[in-house]
Amino acid sequence: MTRAAHPSGAGDAGARAAARPEGWAKAPDYHNDPVRRAAIEAATARDRQHYLRNGLTELECRACHACVFVKKASPHQTSVQWTAAARETCPAFDEVRADGGNPAMLPGCPRLTASIDHGVAEGIIPREGPEVDPDGYW
């Protein structure tokens, strides 16, 4: 099939690229539509707040005093958001660095895990999720 015969113009990539708005084709920037762009930016800010901050409780490690944000969604699922200051404070990261490892691959700090368990037991970190029973047992 020739280019002229193909209805989508599949053979003419240059013409299709010129017709697209600048930026990544799957994520247009809506530079010509400020109202839509503002709505998308507001929705992105709400999503960032919902997924990265909502439900998280600030917790200080009882061993090294690093402050992280924690959410306990079930007995088996804990979300931890590390701050840059906490990564610099926690000795577990120093141990990995000293061994030549990558701190991003650290599965967790046992001292922080103990602090989180203590925070849940003391009610500092609320229990969430479908398994939460009104009597406080999981």
C-alpha atoms as a PDB file:
ATOM      1  CA  MET A   1       0.000   0.000   0.000  1.00  0.00           C
ATOM      2  CA  THR A   2       1.395   3.384  -0.850  1.00  0.00           C
ATOM      3  CA  ARG A   3       1.430   6.420   1.396  1.00  0.00           C
ATOM      4  CA  ALA A   4      -1.210   8.163  -0.653  1.00  0.00           C
ATOM      5  CA  ALA A   5      -3.467   5.124  -0.451  1.00  0.00           C
ATOM      6  CA  HIS A   6      -3.139   4.677   3.320  1.00  0.00           C
ATOM      7  CA  PRO A   7      -5.901   6.643   5.056  1.00  0.00           C
ATOM      8  CA  SER A   8      -3.951   7.380   8.233  1.00  0.00           C
ATOM      9  CA  GLY A   9      -0.825   8.539   6.444  1.00  0.00           C
ATOM     10  CA  ALA A  10       1.179   5.930   8.364  1.00  0.00           C
ATOM     11  CA  GLY A  11       4.080   6.279   5.981  1.00  0.00           C
ATOM     12  CA  ASP A  12       4.468  10.023   6.578  1.00  0.00           C
ATOM     13  CA  ALA A  13       5.902  10.225  10.102  1.00  0.00           C
ATOM     14  CA  GLY A  14       7.351  13.683   9.514  1.00  0.00           C
ATOM     15  CA  ALA A  15       3.936  15.189   8.712  1.00  0.00           C
ATOM     16  CA  ARG A  16       2.373  13.567  11.787  1.00  0.00           C
ATOM     17  CA  ALA A  17       5.201  14.838  14.025  1.00  0.00           C
ATOM     18  CA  ALA A  18       4.786  18.372  12.664  1.00  0.00           C
ATOM     19  CA  ALA A  19       1.027  18.273  13.381  1.00  0.00           C
ATOM     20  CA  ARG A  20       1.527  17.274  17.038  1.00  0.00           C
ATOM     21  CA  PRO A  21       1.855  19.895  19.749  1.00  0.00           C
ATOM     22  CA  GLU A  22       5.306  20.367  21.255  1.00  0.00           C
ATOM     23  CA  GLY A  23       6.263  18.036  24.097  1.00  0.00           C
ATOM     24  CA  TRP A  24       5.559  14.415  24.596  1.00  0.00           C
ATOM     25  CA  ALA A  25       2.703  13.291  22.349  1.00  0.00           C
ATOM     26  CA  LYS A  26       0.983  11.261  25.074  1.00  0.00           C
ATOM     27  CA  ALA A  27       1.172  14.098  27.604  1.00  0.00           C
ATOM     28  CA  PRO A  28       0.298  17.360  25.896  1.00  0.00           C
ATOM     29  CA  ASP A  29       1.082  20.489  27.886  1.00  0.00           C
ATOM     30  CA  TYR A  30      -2.059  22.435  26.852  1.00  0.00           C
ATOM     31  CA  HIS A  31      -0.014  25.609  26.403  1.00  0.00           C
ATOM     32  CA  ASN A  32      -2.875  27.073  24.326  1.00  0.00           C
ATOM     33  CA  ASP A  33      -5.535  26.269  26.936  1.00  0.00           C
ATOM     34  CA  PRO A  34      -4.595  27.875  30.297  1.00  0.00           C
ATOM     35  CA  VAL A  35      -7.886  26.904  31.959  1.00  0.00           C
ATOM     36  CA  ARG A  36      -7.408  23.220  31.187  1.00  0.00           C
ATOM     37  CA  ARG A  37      -3.739  23.407  32.118  1.00  0.00           C
ATOM     38  CA  ALA A  38      -4.627  24.957  35.513  1.00  0.00           C
ATOM     39  CA  ALA A  39      -7.246  22.251  36.124  1.00  0.00           C
ATOM     40  CA  ILE A  40      -4.710  19.510  35.374  1.00  0.00           C
ATOM     41  CA  GLU A  41      -2.114  21.105  37.646  1.00  0.00           C
ATOM     42  CA  ALA A  42      -4.683  21.349  40.471  1.00  0.00           C
ATOM     43  CA  ALA A  43      -5.687  17.700  39.996  1.00  0.00           C
ATOM     44  CA  THR A  44      -2.014  16.662  40.025  1.00  0.00           C
ATOM     45  CA  ALA A  45      -1.464  18.556  43.297  1.00  0.00           C
ATOM     46  CA  ARG A  46      -4.506  16.823  44.838  1.00  0.00           C
ATOM     47  CA  ASP A  47      -3.232  13.405  43.708  1.00  0.00           C
ATOM     48  CA  ARG A  48       0.242  14.127  45.093  1.00  0.00           C
ATOM     49  CA  GLN A  49      -1.304  15.092  48.446  1.00  0.00           C
ATOM     50  CA  HIS A  50      -3.595  12.043  48.477  1.00  0.00           C
ATOM     51  CA  TYR A  51      -0.984   9.443  47.560  1.00  0.00           C
ATOM     52  CA  LEU A  52       2.108  10.883  49.242  1.00  0.00           C
ATOM     53  CA  ARG A  53       0.838  12.601  52.413  1.00  0.00           C
ATOM     54  CA  ASN A  54      -2.751  11.699  53.373  1.00  0.00           C
ATOM     55  CA  GLY A  55      -2.969   9.181  56.149  1.00  0.00           C
ATOM     56  CA  LEU A  56       0.728   9.470  56.983  1.00  0.00           C
ATOM     57  CA  THR A  57       1.810  10.189  60.532  1.00  0.00           C
ATOM     58  CA  GLU A  58       5.152  11.757  61.344  1.00  0.00           C
ATOM     59  CA  LEU A  59       7.194   9.423  63.534  1.00  0.00           C
ATOM     60  CA  GLU A  60      10.594   9.826  65.128  1.00  0.00           C
ATOM     61  CA  CYS A  61      12.796   6.747  65.370  1.00  0.00           C
ATOM     62  CA  ARG A  62      13.411   5.955  69.027  1.00  0.00           C
ATOM     63  CA  ALA A  63      17.024   4.958  68.277  1.00  0.00           C
ATOM     64  CA  CYS A  64      18.434   7.628  65.948  1.00  0.00           C
ATOM     65  CA  HIS A  65      15.668  10.270  66.013  1.00  0.00           C
ATOM     66  CA  ALA A  66      15.233  10.285  62.227  1.00  0.00           C
ATOM     67  CA  CYS A  67      11.752  11.604  61.347  1.00  0.00           C
ATOM     68  CA  VAL A  68       9.783   9.708  58.706  1.00  0.00           C
ATOM     69  CA  PHE A  69       6.130   9.599  57.646  1.00  0.00           C
ATOM     70  CA  VAL A  70       4.320   6.312  58.282  1.00  0.00           C
ATOM     71  CA  LYS A  71       0.974   4.756  57.370  1.00  0.00           C
ATOM     72  CA  LYS A  72      -0.089   1.371  58.709  1.00  0.00           C
ATOM     73  CA  ALA A  73      -2.669   0.014  56.268  1.00  0.00           C
ATOM     74  CA  SER A  74      -2.808  -3.560  57.573  1.00  0.00           C
ATOM     75  CA  PRO A  75      -0.873  -5.885  59.867  1.00  0.00           C
ATOM     76  CA  HIS A  76       1.321  -6.791  56.892  1.00  0.00           C
ATOM     77  CA  GLN A  77       1.540  -3.481  55.026  1.00  0.00           C
ATOM     78  CA  THR A  78       3.370  -0.375  56.205  1.00  0.00           C
ATOM     79  CA  SER A  79       4.172   2.655  54.036  1.00  0.00           C
ATOM     80  CA  VAL A  80       7.196   4.738  54.992  1.00  0.00           C
ATOM     81  CA  GLN A  81       8.124   8.024  53.333  1.00  0.00           C
ATOM     82  CA  TRP A  82      11.746   8.847  54.084  1.00  0.00           C
ATOM     83  CA  THR A  83      12.826  12.466  54.111  1.00  0.00           C
ATOM     84  CA  ALA A  84      16.297  13.530  52.987  1.00  0.00           C
ATOM     85  CA  ALA A  85      17.155  14.449  56.583  1.00  0.00           C
ATOM     86  CA  ALA A  86      16.040  11.016  57.829  1.00  0.00           C
ATOM     87  CA  ARG A  87      18.203   9.261  55.234  1.00  0.00           C
ATOM     88  CA  GLU A  88      21.183  11.272  56.456  1.00  0.00           C
ATOM     89  CA  THR A  89      20.400  10.572  60.136  1.00  0.00           C
ATOM     90  CA  CYS A  90      19.651   6.829  60.062  1.00  0.00           C
ATOM     91  CA  PRO A  91      22.773   4.711  60.731  1.00  0.00           C
ATOM     92  CA  ALA A  92      21.343   1.852  58.647  1.00  0.00           C
ATOM     93  CA  PHE A  93      21.949   3.973  55.538  1.00  0.00           C
ATOM     94  CA  ASP A  94      25.514   4.686  56.685  1.00  0.00           C
ATOM     95  CA  GLU A  95      26.147   0.955  57.125  1.00  0.00           C
ATOM     96  CA  VAL A  96      24.993   0.232  53.568  1.00  0.00           C
ATOM     97  CA  ARG A  97      27.091   3.089  52.177  1.00  0.00           C
ATOM     98  CA  ALA A  98      30.149   1.924  54.141  1.00  0.00           C
ATOM     99  CA  ASP A  99      29.790  -1.533  52.576  1.00  0.00           C
ATOM    100  CA  GLY A 100      29.672   0.058  49.104  1.00  0.00           C
ATOM    101  CA  GLY A 101      25.997  -0.719  48.667  1.00  0.00           C
ATOM    102  CA  ASN A 102      23.136   1.333  47.344  1.00  0.00           C
ATOM    103  CA  PRO A 103      21.000   2.824  50.164  1.00  0.00           C
ATOM    104  CA  ALA A 104      17.980   2.785  47.830  1.00  0.00           C
ATOM    105  CA  MET A 105      18.069  -1.011  48.022  1.00  0.00           C
ATOM    106  CA  LEU A 106      17.806  -1.023  51.820  1.00  0.00           C
ATOM    107  CA  PRO A 107      14.655  -3.009  52.678  1.00  0.00           C
ATOM    108  CA  GLY A 108      14.234  -1.154  55.949  1.00  0.00           C
ATOM    109  CA  CYS A 109      15.827  -0.304  59.240  1.00  0.00           C
ATOM    110  CA  PRO A 110      15.152  -2.769  62.076  1.00  0.00           C
ATOM    111  CA  ARG A 111      15.346   0.039  64.652  1.00  0.00           C
ATOM    112  CA  LEU A 112      12.771   2.079  62.732  1.00  0.00           C
ATOM    113  CA  THR A 113      10.575  -1.011  62.368  1.00  0.00           C
ATOM    114  CA  ALA A 114      10.634  -1.418  66.146  1.00  0.00           C
ATOM    115  CA  SER A 115       9.735   2.268  66.525  1.00  0.00           C
ATOM    116  CA  ILE A 116       6.819   1.846  64.112  1.00  0.00           C
ATOM    117  CA  ASP A 117       5.582  -1.237  65.989  1.00  0.00           C
ATOM    118  CA  HIS A 118       5.781   0.755  69.227  1.00  0.00           C
ATOM    119  CA  GLY A 119       3.912   3.673  67.585  1.00  0.00           C
ATOM    120  CA  VAL A 120       1.111   1.357  66.458  1.00  0.00           C
ATOM    121  CA  ALA A 121       0.883  -0.303  69.883  1.00  0.00           C
ATOM    122  CA  GLU A 122       0.739   3.082  71.625  1.00  0.00           C
ATOM    123  CA  GLY A 123      -1.839   4.487  69.194  1.00  0.00           C
ATOM    124  CA  ILE A 124       0.549   7.097  67.786  1.00  0.00           C
ATOM    125  CA  ILE A 125       0.137   5.579  64.327  1.00  0.00           C
ATOM    126  CA  PRO A 126      -3.530   4.854  63.543  1.00  0.00           C
ATOM    127  CA  ARG A 127      -4.428   1.483  62.136  1.00  0.00           C
ATOM    128  CA  GLU A 128      -6.231   1.705  58.825  1.00  0.00           C
ATOM    129  CA  GLY A 129      -7.621  -0.645  56.251  1.00  0.00           C
ATOM    130  CA  PRO A 130     -10.498  -3.091  55.830  1.00  0.00           C
ATOM    131  CA  GLU A 131      -9.200  -5.478  58.494  1.00  0.00           C
ATOM    132  CA  VAL A 132      -9.479  -2.944  61.315  1.00  0.00           C
ATOM    133  CA  ASP A 133     -11.934  -4.177  63.865  1.00  0.00           C
ATOM    134  CA  PRO A 134     -13.881  -1.768  66.097  1.00  0.00           C
ATOM    135  CA  ASP A 135     -12.298  -3.320  69.208  1.00  0.00           C
ATOM    136  CA  GLY A 136      -8.836  -2.380  67.951  1.00  0.00           C
ATOM    137  CA  TYR A 137      -7.695  -5.901  67.048  1.00  0.00           C
ATOM    138  CA  TRP A 138      -6.468  -6.924  63.616  1.00  0.00           C
END
